[in-house]
């Protein structure tokens, strides 16, 4: 994951600590709906794992990842929306991979 600034000024964003790499890199539904995949960031995956799978509170997950509770909340909201959209629309979910237009 590369550190990028939004805009041209300001400090670099804090990089969350990722403790566990995902076992799989993509989930492809059957039957498949739209062909264009949804990309979920490693930080979004990690916070989803910590809060929903490990049962941590957002404060605990933030301390584990080295980010604020607000950042955990934003990552968790984004991750849940992407997973729900992938299931609902039958689109592939790419984990920790960047789309071609983001590189």
Protein backbone atom coordinates (compact mmCIF):
# COMPACT_ATOMS: atom_id res chain seq x y z
CA UNK A 1 0.00 0.00 0.00
CA UNK A 2 1.42 3.35 -0.99
CA UNK A 3 1.14 6.47 1.12
CA UNK A 4 -0.68 9.13 -0.86
CA UNK A 5 -1.89 12.55 0.03
CA UNK A 6 -5.29 13.75 -1.00
CA UNK A 7 -4.62 16.97 -2.79
CA UNK A 8 -1.14 18.40 -2.83
CA UNK A 9 -0.62 19.52 0.76
CA UNK A 10 -0.74 18.18 4.25
CA UNK A 11 0.79 15.30 6.06
CA UNK A 12 0.88 11.75 4.80
CA UNK A 13 -1.99 9.63 6.17
CA UNK A 14 -1.27 7.21 9.00
CA UNK A 15 -0.85 3.69 7.66
CA UNK A 16 -2.92 1.15 9.62
CA UNK A 17 -1.12 -1.92 10.94
CA UNK A 18 -2.31 -5.05 9.15
CA UNK A 19 -1.76 -8.06 11.42
CA UNK A 20 -3.19 -10.81 9.21
CA UNK A 21 -3.06 -11.02 5.43
CA UNK A 22 -6.22 -12.48 3.92
CA UNK A 23 -6.08 -16.13 2.89
CA UNK A 24 -7.94 -15.39 -0.34
CA UNK A 25 -7.57 -12.42 -2.66
CA UNK A 26 -10.91 -12.58 -4.45
CA UNK A 27 -14.42 -13.90 -4.02
CA UNK A 28 -16.38 -14.64 -7.18
CA UNK A 29 -20.15 -15.20 -6.80
CA UNK A 30 -22.08 -17.92 -8.57
CA UNK A 31 -24.00 -16.96 -10.64
CA UNK A 32 -22.05 -13.84 -11.45
CA UNK A 33 -23.91 -10.58 -12.02
CA UNK A 34 -22.04 -7.53 -13.30
CA UNK A 35 -18.50 -8.26 -14.46
CA UNK A 36 -16.79 -5.22 -12.94
CA UNK A 37 -15.35 -6.15 -9.52
CA UNK A 38 -15.48 -4.27 -6.23
CA UNK A 39 -12.10 -3.57 -4.60
CA UNK A 40 -11.72 -3.71 -0.81
CA UNK A 41 -8.56 -2.29 0.75
CA UNK A 42 -6.44 -4.33 3.18
CA UNK A 43 -7.18 -1.81 5.95
CA UNK A 44 -10.91 -2.19 5.33
CA UNK A 45 -10.55 -5.97 5.39
CA UNK A 46 -8.53 -5.88 8.63
CA UNK A 47 -11.03 -3.66 10.47
CA UNK A 48 -13.90 -5.85 9.24
CA UNK A 49 -12.07 -8.91 10.57
CA UNK A 50 -11.26 -7.31 13.94
CA UNK A 51 -14.72 -5.88 14.64
CA UNK A 52 -17.09 -8.39 13.04
CA UNK A 53 -15.09 -11.63 13.30
CA UNK A 54 -12.94 -11.12 16.41
CA UNK A 55 -15.66 -9.17 18.26
CA UNK A 56 -13.48 -6.19 19.18
CA UNK A 57 -14.93 -2.80 19.98
CA UNK A 58 -14.01 -0.03 17.56
CA UNK A 59 -11.70 1.54 20.17
CA UNK A 60 -9.85 -1.77 20.60
CA UNK A 61 -9.55 -2.27 16.85
CA UNK A 62 -8.20 1.27 16.46
CA UNK A 63 -5.58 0.67 19.14
CA UNK A 64 -4.59 -2.61 17.48
CA UNK A 65 -4.23 -0.96 14.07
CA UNK A 66 -2.70 2.28 15.34
CA UNK A 67 -5.50 4.54 14.07
CA UNK A 68 -8.33 6.51 15.68
CA UNK A 69 -11.79 5.15 16.41
CA UNK A 70 -13.17 7.55 13.79
CA UNK A 71 -10.90 6.04 11.15
CA UNK A 72 -12.02 2.56 12.19
CA UNK A 73 -15.65 3.66 11.84
CA UNK A 74 -15.06 5.05 8.32
CA UNK A 75 -13.16 1.92 7.21
CA UNK A 76 -15.80 -0.38 8.70
CA UNK A 77 -18.68 1.50 7.06
CA UNK A 78 -16.92 1.38 3.69
CA UNK A 79 -16.04 -2.32 4.01
CA UNK A 80 -19.56 -3.35 5.01
CA UNK A 81 -21.06 -1.36 2.13
CA UNK A 82 -18.70 -3.00 -0.38
CA UNK A 83 -19.39 -6.53 0.89
CA UNK A 84 -23.16 -5.92 0.84
CA UNK A 85 -22.96 -4.43 -2.67
CA UNK A 86 -20.92 -7.41 -3.88
CA UNK A 87 -23.46 -9.89 -2.51
CA UNK A 88 -26.50 -7.94 -3.68
CA UNK A 89 -25.23 -7.24 -7.22
CA UNK A 90 -23.35 -10.52 -7.71
CA UNK A 91 -20.07 -8.71 -8.38
CA UNK A 92 -16.63 -10.16 -7.63
CA UNK A 93 -14.94 -8.85 -4.47
CA UNK A 94 -11.18 -8.26 -4.84
CA UNK A 95 -9.38 -8.13 -1.49
CA UNK A 96 -6.22 -6.08 -1.13
CA UNK A 97 -5.87 -5.51 -4.86
CA UNK A 98 -6.06 -2.12 -6.51
CA UNK A 99 -8.08 -1.36 -9.59
CA UNK A 100 -6.27 -0.31 -12.73
CA UNK A 101 -7.54 3.28 -12.48
CA UNK A 102 -6.19 3.67 -8.90
CA UNK A 103 -2.59 2.75 -9.75
